[in-house]
């Protein structure tokens, strides 16, 4: 059997196992995150505010790590027996990610280092917006929506 097919099968099986494990973790809701973040401005050194900051920081760190790894995996895959079109795609990946950062494909770009405090303040303001609470979003969806709205990627016309 082709080694590539075996590798793909193993990866698919591993992904299914990880999905089952991920289902075991109950996701944080937006109201639950807001209960912590409401203290961010009044008690910035309190445990609730720190929880809020660490949640946002963890979301960003996870997005960057995941996106970088996905891009590396795609680039490695395209390097094997790549066609002209695949090489063009790989080159475009490199240009776009070096210019905007790994999260460009997640539709938000923090660009030059943005102070965590600035990002958290924007997330907190948006969490206190009743729309997020009324929509019953998961906390990760609310943070993601904020990052996409507040830190859009500048795209050239030729991109």
N, C-alpha and C. Protein backbone atom coordinates (compact mmCIF):
# COMPACT_ATOMS: atom_id res chain seq x y z
N UNK A 1 0.85 -1.18 0.00
CA UNK A 1 0.00 0.00 0.00
C UNK A 1 0.90 1.24 0.00
N UNK A 2 0.45 2.24 -0.67
CA UNK A 2 1.19 3.49 -0.77
C UNK A 2 1.39 4.11 0.62
N UNK A 3 2.62 4.51 0.94
CA UNK A 3 2.94 5.08 2.25
C UNK A 3 2.16 6.37 2.51
N UNK A 4 1.90 7.11 1.47
CA UNK A 4 1.16 8.36 1.62
C UNK A 4 -0.28 8.09 2.06
N UNK A 5 -0.90 7.07 1.50
CA UNK A 5 -2.26 6.71 1.87
C UNK A 5 -2.31 6.23 3.31
N UNK A 6 -1.31 5.44 3.71
CA UNK A 6 -1.24 4.96 5.09
C UNK A 6 -1.08 6.14 6.05
N UNK A 7 -0.22 7.08 5.70
CA UNK A 7 0.00 8.26 6.54
C UNK A 7 -1.29 9.08 6.68
N UNK A 8 -1.99 9.27 5.58
CA UNK A 8 -3.24 10.02 5.62
C UNK A 8 -4.26 9.29 6.50
N UNK A 9 -4.32 7.98 6.38
CA UNK A 9 -5.25 7.19 7.21
C UNK A 9 -4.94 7.31 8.68
N UNK A 10 -3.65 7.26 9.03
CA UNK A 10 -3.24 7.39 10.43
C UNK A 10 -3.61 8.78 10.95
N UNK A 11 -3.36 9.80 10.14
CA UNK A 11 -3.70 11.18 10.55
C UNK A 11 -5.20 11.33 10.74
N UNK A 12 -5.99 10.74 9.87
CA UNK A 12 -7.45 10.83 9.99
C UNK A 12 -7.92 10.14 11.27
N UNK A 13 -7.36 8.96 11.56
CA UNK A 13 -7.74 8.24 12.78
C UNK A 13 -7.35 9.04 14.02
N UNK A 14 -6.16 9.62 14.00
CA UNK A 14 -5.71 10.43 15.14
C UNK A 14 -6.61 11.64 15.32
N UNK A 15 -7.04 12.25 14.22
CA UNK A 15 -7.93 13.41 14.30
C UNK A 15 -9.25 13.05 14.95
N UNK A 16 -9.79 11.87 14.62
CA UNK A 16 -11.04 11.44 15.22
C UNK A 16 -10.89 11.24 16.72
N UNK A 17 -9.75 10.68 17.13
CA UNK A 17 -9.51 10.50 18.56
C UNK A 17 -9.42 11.85 19.27
N UNK A 18 -8.75 12.82 18.63
CA UNK A 18 -8.63 14.15 19.23
C UNK A 18 -9.99 14.84 19.31
N UNK A 19 -10.84 14.64 18.30
CA UNK A 19 -12.17 15.24 18.34
C UNK A 19 -12.97 14.70 19.52
N UNK A 20 -12.88 13.39 19.76
CA UNK A 20 -13.58 12.82 20.91
C UNK A 20 -13.07 13.43 22.21
N UNK A 21 -11.75 13.60 22.31
CA UNK A 21 -11.17 14.19 23.53
C UNK A 21 -11.62 15.64 23.68
N UNK A 22 -11.71 16.36 22.56
CA UNK A 22 -12.11 17.77 22.62
C UNK A 22 -13.57 17.90 23.06
N UNK A 23 -14.40 16.93 22.70
CA UNK A 23 -15.80 16.98 23.12
C UNK A 23 -15.93 16.86 24.63
N UNK A 24 -14.95 16.27 25.28
CA UNK A 24 -15.00 16.07 26.73
C UNK A 24 -14.81 17.38 27.49
N UNK A 25 -14.26 18.39 26.83
CA UNK A 25 -14.03 19.69 27.47
C UNK A 25 -15.22 20.58 27.15
N UNK A 26 -15.88 21.07 28.18
CA UNK A 26 -17.02 21.95 27.97
C UNK A 26 -16.52 23.34 27.60
N UNK A 27 -16.94 23.86 26.46
CA UNK A 27 -16.46 25.18 26.05
C UNK A 27 -17.00 26.28 26.96
N UNK A 28 -16.21 27.33 27.11
CA UNK A 28 -16.59 28.49 27.91
C UNK A 28 -17.59 29.33 27.12
N UNK A 29 -18.66 29.74 27.77
CA UNK A 29 -19.65 30.59 27.09
C UNK A 29 -19.25 32.05 27.21
N UNK A 30 -19.81 32.87 26.35
CA UNK A 30 -19.55 34.31 26.42
C UNK A 30 -19.99 34.90 27.76
N UNK A 31 -21.18 34.56 28.26
CA UNK A 31 -21.56 35.11 29.58
C UNK A 31 -20.59 34.70 30.69
N UNK A 32 -20.06 33.48 30.61
CA UNK A 32 -19.09 33.05 31.64
C UNK A 32 -17.80 33.86 31.55
N UNK A 33 -17.33 34.10 30.34
CA UNK A 33 -16.12 34.92 30.19
C UNK A 33 -16.41 36.35 30.62
N UNK A 34 -17.57 36.86 30.27
CA UNK A 34 -17.94 38.23 30.65
C UNK A 34 -18.00 38.39 32.16
N UNK A 35 -18.40 37.33 32.88
CA UNK A 35 -18.43 37.39 34.35
C UNK A 35 -17.05 37.66 34.93
N UNK A 36 -16.03 37.19 34.27
CA UNK A 36 -14.65 37.45 34.71
C UNK A 36 -14.16 38.80 34.20
N UNK A 37 -14.43 39.08 32.93
CA UNK A 37 -13.89 40.28 32.30
C UNK A 37 -14.52 41.58 32.81
N UNK A 38 -15.70 41.48 33.42
CA UNK A 38 -16.37 42.68 33.93
C UNK A 38 -15.51 43.37 35.00
N UNK A 39 -14.60 42.63 35.61
CA UNK A 39 -13.73 43.18 36.65
C UNK A 39 -12.41 43.73 36.11
N UNK A 40 -12.22 43.62 34.80
CA UNK A 40 -10.93 43.98 34.20
C UNK A 40 -10.50 45.42 34.52
N UNK A 41 -11.40 46.38 34.38
CA UNK A 41 -11.02 47.79 34.58
C UNK A 41 -10.98 48.18 36.05
N UNK A 42 -11.87 47.63 36.86
CA UNK A 42 -11.93 48.01 38.28
C UNK A 42 -10.90 47.30 39.15
N UNK A 43 -10.63 46.05 38.84
CA UNK A 43 -9.67 45.25 39.62
C UNK A 43 -8.72 44.52 38.68
N UNK A 44 -7.83 45.26 37.99
CA UNK A 44 -6.98 44.64 36.96
C UNK A 44 -6.03 43.56 37.49
N UNK A 45 -5.74 43.58 38.78
CA UNK A 45 -4.85 42.56 39.34
C UNK A 45 -5.62 41.44 40.04
N UNK A 46 -6.93 41.50 40.00
CA UNK A 46 -7.76 40.48 40.63
C UNK A 46 -7.78 39.19 39.81
N UNK A 47 -8.18 38.11 40.45
CA UNK A 47 -8.15 36.80 39.78
C UNK A 47 -9.09 36.75 38.58
N UNK A 48 -10.22 37.45 38.64
CA UNK A 48 -11.14 37.44 37.50
C UNK A 48 -10.54 38.16 36.30
N UNK A 49 -9.94 39.32 36.54
CA UNK A 49 -9.32 40.08 35.45
C UNK A 49 -8.16 39.29 34.85
N UNK A 50 -7.38 38.65 35.70
CA UNK A 50 -6.25 37.85 35.21
C UNK A 50 -6.76 36.68 34.37
N UNK A 51 -7.86 36.05 34.82
CA UNK A 51 -8.47 34.98 34.03
C UNK A 51 -8.84 35.50 32.65
N UNK A 52 -9.46 36.68 32.60
CA UNK A 52 -9.88 37.30 31.35
C UNK A 52 -8.68 37.52 30.43
N UNK A 53 -7.63 38.11 30.96
CA UNK A 53 -6.42 38.39 30.18
C UNK A 53 -5.81 37.10 29.66
N UNK A 54 -5.69 36.11 30.52
CA UNK A 54 -5.07 34.84 30.12
C UNK A 54 -5.92 34.09 29.09
N UNK A 55 -7.23 34.23 29.17
CA UNK A 55 -8.09 33.59 28.16
C UNK A 55 -7.81 34.21 26.79
N UNK A 56 -7.79 35.53 26.72
CA UNK A 56 -7.54 36.22 25.45
C UNK A 56 -6.14 35.90 24.95
N UNK A 57 -5.17 35.94 25.84
CA UNK A 57 -3.79 35.63 25.46
C UNK A 57 -3.69 34.19 24.95
N UNK A 58 -4.34 33.28 25.62
CA UNK A 58 -4.33 31.87 25.19
C UNK A 58 -4.99 31.68 23.84
N UNK A 59 -6.07 32.41 23.61
CA UNK A 59 -6.74 32.32 22.31
C UNK A 59 -5.78 32.76 21.20
N UNK A 60 -5.13 33.90 21.40
CA UNK A 60 -4.20 34.43 20.39
C UNK A 60 -3.02 33.48 20.21
N UNK A 61 -2.43 33.03 21.30
CA UNK A 61 -1.30 32.10 21.21
C UNK A 61 -1.69 30.83 20.47
N UNK A 62 -2.88 30.32 20.78
CA UNK A 62 -3.35 29.11 20.11
C UNK A 62 -3.58 29.33 18.63
N UNK A 63 -4.15 30.47 18.28
CA UNK A 63 -4.41 30.78 16.87
C UNK A 63 -3.09 30.89 16.10
N UNK A 64 -2.14 31.59 16.67
CA UNK A 64 -0.84 31.77 16.01
C UNK A 64 -0.14 30.42 15.85
N UNK A 65 -0.09 29.64 16.93
CA UNK A 65 0.59 28.35 16.88
C UNK A 65 -0.07 27.41 15.88
N UNK A 66 -1.39 27.37 15.90
CA UNK A 66 -2.12 26.48 14.99
C UNK A 66 -1.95 26.93 13.55
N UNK A 67 -2.12 28.21 13.28
CA UNK A 67 -2.01 28.70 11.92
C UNK A 67 -0.60 28.51 11.37
N UNK A 68 0.42 28.77 12.18
CA UNK A 68 1.80 28.57 11.73
C UNK A 68 2.03 27.10 11.39
N UNK A 69 1.53 26.20 12.24
CA UNK A 69 1.72 24.77 12.01
C UNK A 69 0.99 24.31 10.76
N UNK A 70 -0.24 24.79 10.55
CA UNK A 70 -1.00 24.42 9.36
C UNK A 70 -0.27 24.90 8.11
N UNK A 71 0.22 26.13 8.13
CA UNK A 71 0.94 26.66 6.97
C UNK A 71 2.20 25.84 6.71
N UNK A 72 2.94 25.48 7.76
CA UNK A 72 4.12 24.65 7.59
C UNK A 72 3.76 23.30 6.99
N UNK A 73 2.69 22.70 7.48
CA UNK A 73 2.26 21.40 6.96
C UNK A 73 1.86 21.49 5.49
N UNK A 74 1.15 22.53 5.12
CA UNK A 74 0.74 22.70 3.73
C UNK A 74 1.97 22.92 2.85
N UNK A 75 2.88 23.76 3.32
CA UNK A 75 4.10 24.03 2.55
C UNK A 75 4.91 22.75 2.36
N UNK A 76 5.05 21.96 3.42
CA UNK A 76 5.79 20.70 3.33
C UNK A 76 5.11 19.76 2.35
N UNK A 77 3.81 19.68 2.41
CA UNK A 77 3.05 18.81 1.50
C UNK A 77 3.22 19.26 0.06
N UNK A 78 3.18 20.57 -0.17
CA UNK A 78 3.32 21.08 -1.53
C UNK A 78 4.74 20.92 -2.06
N UNK A 79 5.74 20.87 -1.18
CA UNK A 79 7.12 20.69 -1.60
C UNK A 79 7.33 19.34 -2.28
N UNK A 80 6.54 18.36 -1.91
CA UNK A 80 6.66 17.02 -2.50
C UNK A 80 5.98 17.01 -3.85
N UNK A 81 6.75 16.74 -4.88
CA UNK A 81 6.19 16.59 -6.23
C UNK A 81 5.24 17.72 -6.60
N UNK A 82 5.63 18.94 -6.29
CA UNK A 82 4.72 20.05 -6.55
C UNK A 82 4.67 20.41 -8.02
N UNK A 83 3.50 20.82 -8.43
CA UNK A 83 3.30 21.31 -9.78
C UNK A 83 3.60 22.80 -9.79
N UNK A 84 3.55 23.39 -10.95
CA UNK A 84 3.79 24.83 -11.05
C UNK A 84 2.75 25.60 -10.24
N UNK A 85 1.49 25.18 -10.35
CA UNK A 85 0.41 25.84 -9.60
C UNK A 85 0.59 25.72 -8.10
N UNK A 86 0.99 24.54 -7.64
CA UNK A 86 1.22 24.34 -6.21
C UNK A 86 2.38 25.19 -5.72
N UNK A 87 3.42 25.32 -6.56
CA UNK A 87 4.56 26.16 -6.18
C UNK A 87 4.12 27.62 -6.07
N UNK A 88 3.25 28.05 -6.96
CA UNK A 88 2.74 29.42 -6.91
C UNK A 88 1.94 29.64 -5.62
N UNK A 89 1.14 28.66 -5.24
CA UNK A 89 0.37 28.76 -4.00
C UNK A 89 1.32 28.84 -2.81
N UNK A 90 2.34 27.97 -2.78
CA UNK A 90 3.30 27.96 -1.67
C UNK A 90 4.01 29.30 -1.57
N UNK A 91 4.39 29.87 -2.70
CA UNK A 91 5.06 31.17 -2.70
C UNK A 91 4.13 32.25 -2.16
N UNK A 92 2.87 32.18 -2.55
CA UNK A 92 1.90 33.18 -2.06
C UNK A 92 1.69 33.04 -0.56
N UNK A 93 1.64 31.78 -0.05
CA UNK A 93 1.55 31.56 1.39
C UNK A 93 2.69 32.29 2.09
N UNK A 94 3.89 32.10 1.58
CA UNK A 94 5.07 32.71 2.21
C UNK A 94 5.01 34.22 2.21
N UNK A 95 4.63 34.80 1.08
CA UNK A 95 4.54 36.27 1.00
C UNK A 95 3.50 36.82 1.95
N UNK A 96 2.34 36.20 1.94
CA UNK A 96 1.24 36.70 2.76
C UNK A 96 1.54 36.55 4.24
N UNK A 97 2.06 35.40 4.65
CA UNK A 97 2.32 35.19 6.07
C UNK A 97 3.49 36.02 6.56
N UNK A 98 4.50 36.24 5.72
CA UNK A 98 5.61 37.07 6.18
C UNK A 98 5.16 38.53 6.31
N UNK A 99 4.20 38.95 5.52
CA UNK A 99 3.74 40.33 5.59
C UNK A 99 2.74 40.56 6.71
N UNK A 100 1.79 39.63 6.89
CA UNK A 100 0.70 39.84 7.84
C UNK A 100 0.78 38.97 9.09
N UNK A 101 1.57 37.93 9.08
CA UNK A 101 1.62 37.00 10.20
C UNK A 101 0.76 35.78 9.91
N UNK A 102 0.94 34.76 10.74
CA UNK A 102 0.28 33.48 10.50
C UNK A 102 -1.23 33.56 10.56
N UNK A 103 -1.78 34.50 11.30
CA UNK A 103 -3.22 34.55 11.47
C UNK A 103 -3.95 35.20 10.29
N UNK A 104 -3.22 35.56 9.24
CA UNK A 104 -3.85 36.18 8.07
C UNK A 104 -4.95 35.29 7.52
N UNK A 105 -4.79 34.00 7.56
CA UNK A 105 -5.80 33.10 7.02
C UNK A 105 -6.95 32.89 8.00
N UNK A 106 -6.82 33.39 9.21
CA UNK A 106 -7.92 33.39 10.18
C UNK A 106 -8.67 34.71 10.13
N UNK A 107 -8.29 35.57 9.19
CA UNK A 107 -8.96 36.86 8.96
C UNK A 107 -8.73 37.90 10.05
N UNK A 108 -7.63 37.79 10.79
CA UNK A 108 -7.24 38.90 11.65
C UNK A 108 -5.73 39.00 11.63
N UNK A 109 -5.23 40.23 11.75
CA UNK A 109 -3.80 40.48 11.68
C UNK A 109 -3.41 41.44 12.79
N UNK A 110 -2.60 40.96 13.70
CA UNK A 110 -2.12 41.81 14.77
C UNK A 110 -0.89 42.58 14.33
N UNK A 111 -0.32 42.21 13.19
CA UNK A 111 0.79 42.96 12.60
C UNK A 111 1.95 43.12 13.55
N UNK A 112 2.46 44.36 13.60
CA UNK A 112 3.54 44.65 14.54
C UNK A 112 3.02 44.31 15.93
N UNK A 113 3.90 43.95 16.82
CA UNK A 113 3.40 43.57 18.15
C UNK A 113 2.42 44.59 18.71
N UNK A 114 1.23 44.11 19.00
CA UNK A 114 0.18 44.93 19.59
C UNK A 114 0.18 44.62 21.08
N UNK A 115 0.16 45.64 21.94
CA UNK A 115 0.13 45.37 23.38
C UNK A 115 -1.09 44.52 23.75
N UNK A 116 -0.85 43.50 24.55
CA UNK A 116 -1.93 42.63 24.99
C UNK A 116 -3.04 43.43 25.65
N UNK A 117 -2.66 44.44 26.42
CA UNK A 117 -3.64 45.29 27.11
C UNK A 117 -4.63 45.89 26.11
N UNK A 118 -4.14 46.37 24.98
CA UNK A 118 -5.01 46.97 23.96
C UNK A 118 -6.01 45.94 23.43
N UNK A 119 -5.53 44.74 23.14
CA UNK A 119 -6.41 43.69 22.61
C UNK A 119 -7.45 43.32 23.66
N UNK A 120 -7.01 43.12 24.89
CA UNK A 120 -7.93 42.72 25.95
C UNK A 120 -9.00 43.80 26.17
N UNK A 121 -8.61 45.05 26.16
CA UNK A 121 -9.59 46.13 26.35
C UNK A 121 -10.66 46.10 25.27
N UNK A 122 -10.26 45.84 24.04
CA UNK A 122 -11.24 45.76 22.95
C UNK A 122 -12.16 44.56 23.13
N UNK A 123 -11.59 43.43 23.56
CA UNK A 123 -12.40 42.25 23.80
C UNK A 123 -13.39 42.52 24.93
N UNK A 124 -12.91 43.13 26.01
CA UNK A 124 -13.78 43.41 27.16
C UNK A 124 -14.92 44.33 26.75
N UNK A 125 -14.61 45.39 26.01
CA UNK A 125 -15.67 46.30 25.55
C UNK A 125 -16.71 45.55 24.73
N UNK A 126 -16.24 44.68 23.84
CA UNK A 126 -17.18 43.92 23.01
C UNK A 126 -17.95 42.88 23.82
N UNK A 127 -17.32 42.32 24.84
CA UNK A 127 -18.03 41.35 25.69
C UNK A 127 -19.16 42.03 26.46
N UNK A 128 -18.97 43.27 26.81
CA UNK A 128 -19.99 43.98 27.55
C UNK A 128 -21.13 44.46 26.63
N UNK A 129 -20.91 44.31 25.34
CA UNK A 129 -21.95 44.63 24.36
C UNK A 129 -23.02 43.55 24.44
N UNK A 130 -24.22 43.92 24.66
CA UNK A 130 -25.33 42.96 24.85
C UNK A 130 -25.49 42.03 23.65
N UNK A 131 -25.10 42.48 22.46
CA UNK A 131 -25.27 41.63 21.27
C UNK A 131 -24.55 40.31 21.43
N UNK A 132 -23.32 40.36 21.92
CA UNK A 132 -22.56 39.12 22.11
C UNK A 132 -23.24 38.23 23.14
N UNK A 133 -23.73 38.82 24.19
CA UNK A 133 -24.36 38.03 25.24
C UNK A 133 -25.69 37.46 24.77
N UNK A 134 -26.43 38.24 24.01
CA UNK A 134 -27.73 37.79 23.52
C UNK A 134 -27.62 36.70 22.46
N UNK A 135 -26.53 36.71 21.71
CA UNK A 135 -26.37 35.72 20.64
C UNK A 135 -25.98 34.34 21.17
N UNK A 136 -25.66 34.24 22.45
CA UNK A 136 -25.25 32.97 23.05
C UNK A 136 -24.04 32.36 22.34
N UNK A 137 -23.09 33.21 22.01
CA UNK A 137 -21.84 32.73 21.40
C UNK A 137 -20.98 32.05 22.44
N UNK A 138 -20.14 31.16 21.98
CA UNK A 138 -19.09 30.65 22.85
C UNK A 138 -18.07 31.76 23.03
N UNK A 139 -17.35 31.72 24.13
CA UNK A 139 -16.35 32.75 24.41
C UNK A 139 -15.34 32.84 23.27
N UNK A 140 -14.93 31.70 22.75
CA UNK A 140 -13.93 31.72 21.67
C UNK A 140 -14.48 32.43 20.43
N UNK A 141 -15.80 32.28 20.16
CA UNK A 141 -16.39 32.95 19.01
C UNK A 141 -16.46 34.45 19.22
N UNK A 142 -16.72 34.88 20.44
CA UNK A 142 -16.78 36.31 20.74
C UNK A 142 -15.39 36.93 20.62
N UNK A 143 -14.37 36.26 21.13
CA UNK A 143 -13.00 36.78 21.02
C UNK A 143 -12.58 36.83 19.55
N UNK A 144 -12.89 35.77 18.83
CA UNK A 144 -12.55 35.71 17.40
C UNK A 144 -13.26 36.82 16.63
N UNK A 145 -14.53 37.04 16.90
CA UNK A 145 -15.28 38.10 16.22
C UNK A 145 -14.66 39.47 16.51
N UNK A 146 -14.23 39.67 17.74
CA UNK A 146 -13.58 40.93 18.10
C UNK A 146 -12.28 41.11 17.34
N UNK A 147 -11.46 40.08 17.30
CA UNK A 147 -10.18 40.17 16.60
C UNK A 147 -10.38 40.45 15.11
N UNK A 148 -11.37 39.79 14.51
CA UNK A 148 -11.64 40.02 13.09
C UNK A 148 -12.13 41.44 12.84
N UNK A 149 -12.96 41.96 13.74
CA UNK A 149 -13.52 43.31 13.56
C UNK A 149 -12.49 44.40 13.86
N UNK A 150 -11.70 44.20 14.91
CA UNK A 150 -10.79 45.24 15.37
C UNK A 150 -9.41 45.19 14.70
N UNK A 151 -9.03 44.04 14.18
CA UNK A 151 -7.70 43.89 13.59
C UNK A 151 -7.79 43.22 12.22
N UNK A 152 -8.50 43.85 11.28
CA UNK A 152 -8.60 43.25 9.95
C UNK A 152 -7.26 43.31 9.24
N UNK A 153 -7.08 42.41 8.31
CA UNK A 153 -5.84 42.39 7.52
C UNK A 153 -6.00 43.36 6.35
N UNK A 154 -4.95 44.13 6.11
CA UNK A 154 -4.93 45.01 4.95
C UNK A 154 -4.57 44.16 3.76
N UNK A 155 -5.44 44.12 2.78
CA UNK A 155 -5.19 43.28 1.61
C UNK A 155 -4.98 44.17 0.40
N UNK A 156 -3.89 43.90 -0.32
CA UNK A 156 -3.62 44.62 -1.55
C UNK A 156 -4.60 44.16 -2.62
N UNK A 157 -4.79 44.99 -3.62
CA UNK A 157 -5.68 44.62 -4.73
C UNK A 157 -5.16 43.39 -5.47
N UNK A 158 -3.83 43.19 -5.50
CA UNK A 158 -3.27 42.05 -6.24
C UNK A 158 -3.20 40.79 -5.37
N UNK A 159 -3.62 40.86 -4.13
CA UNK A 159 -3.59 39.67 -3.25
C UNK A 159 -4.76 38.78 -3.55
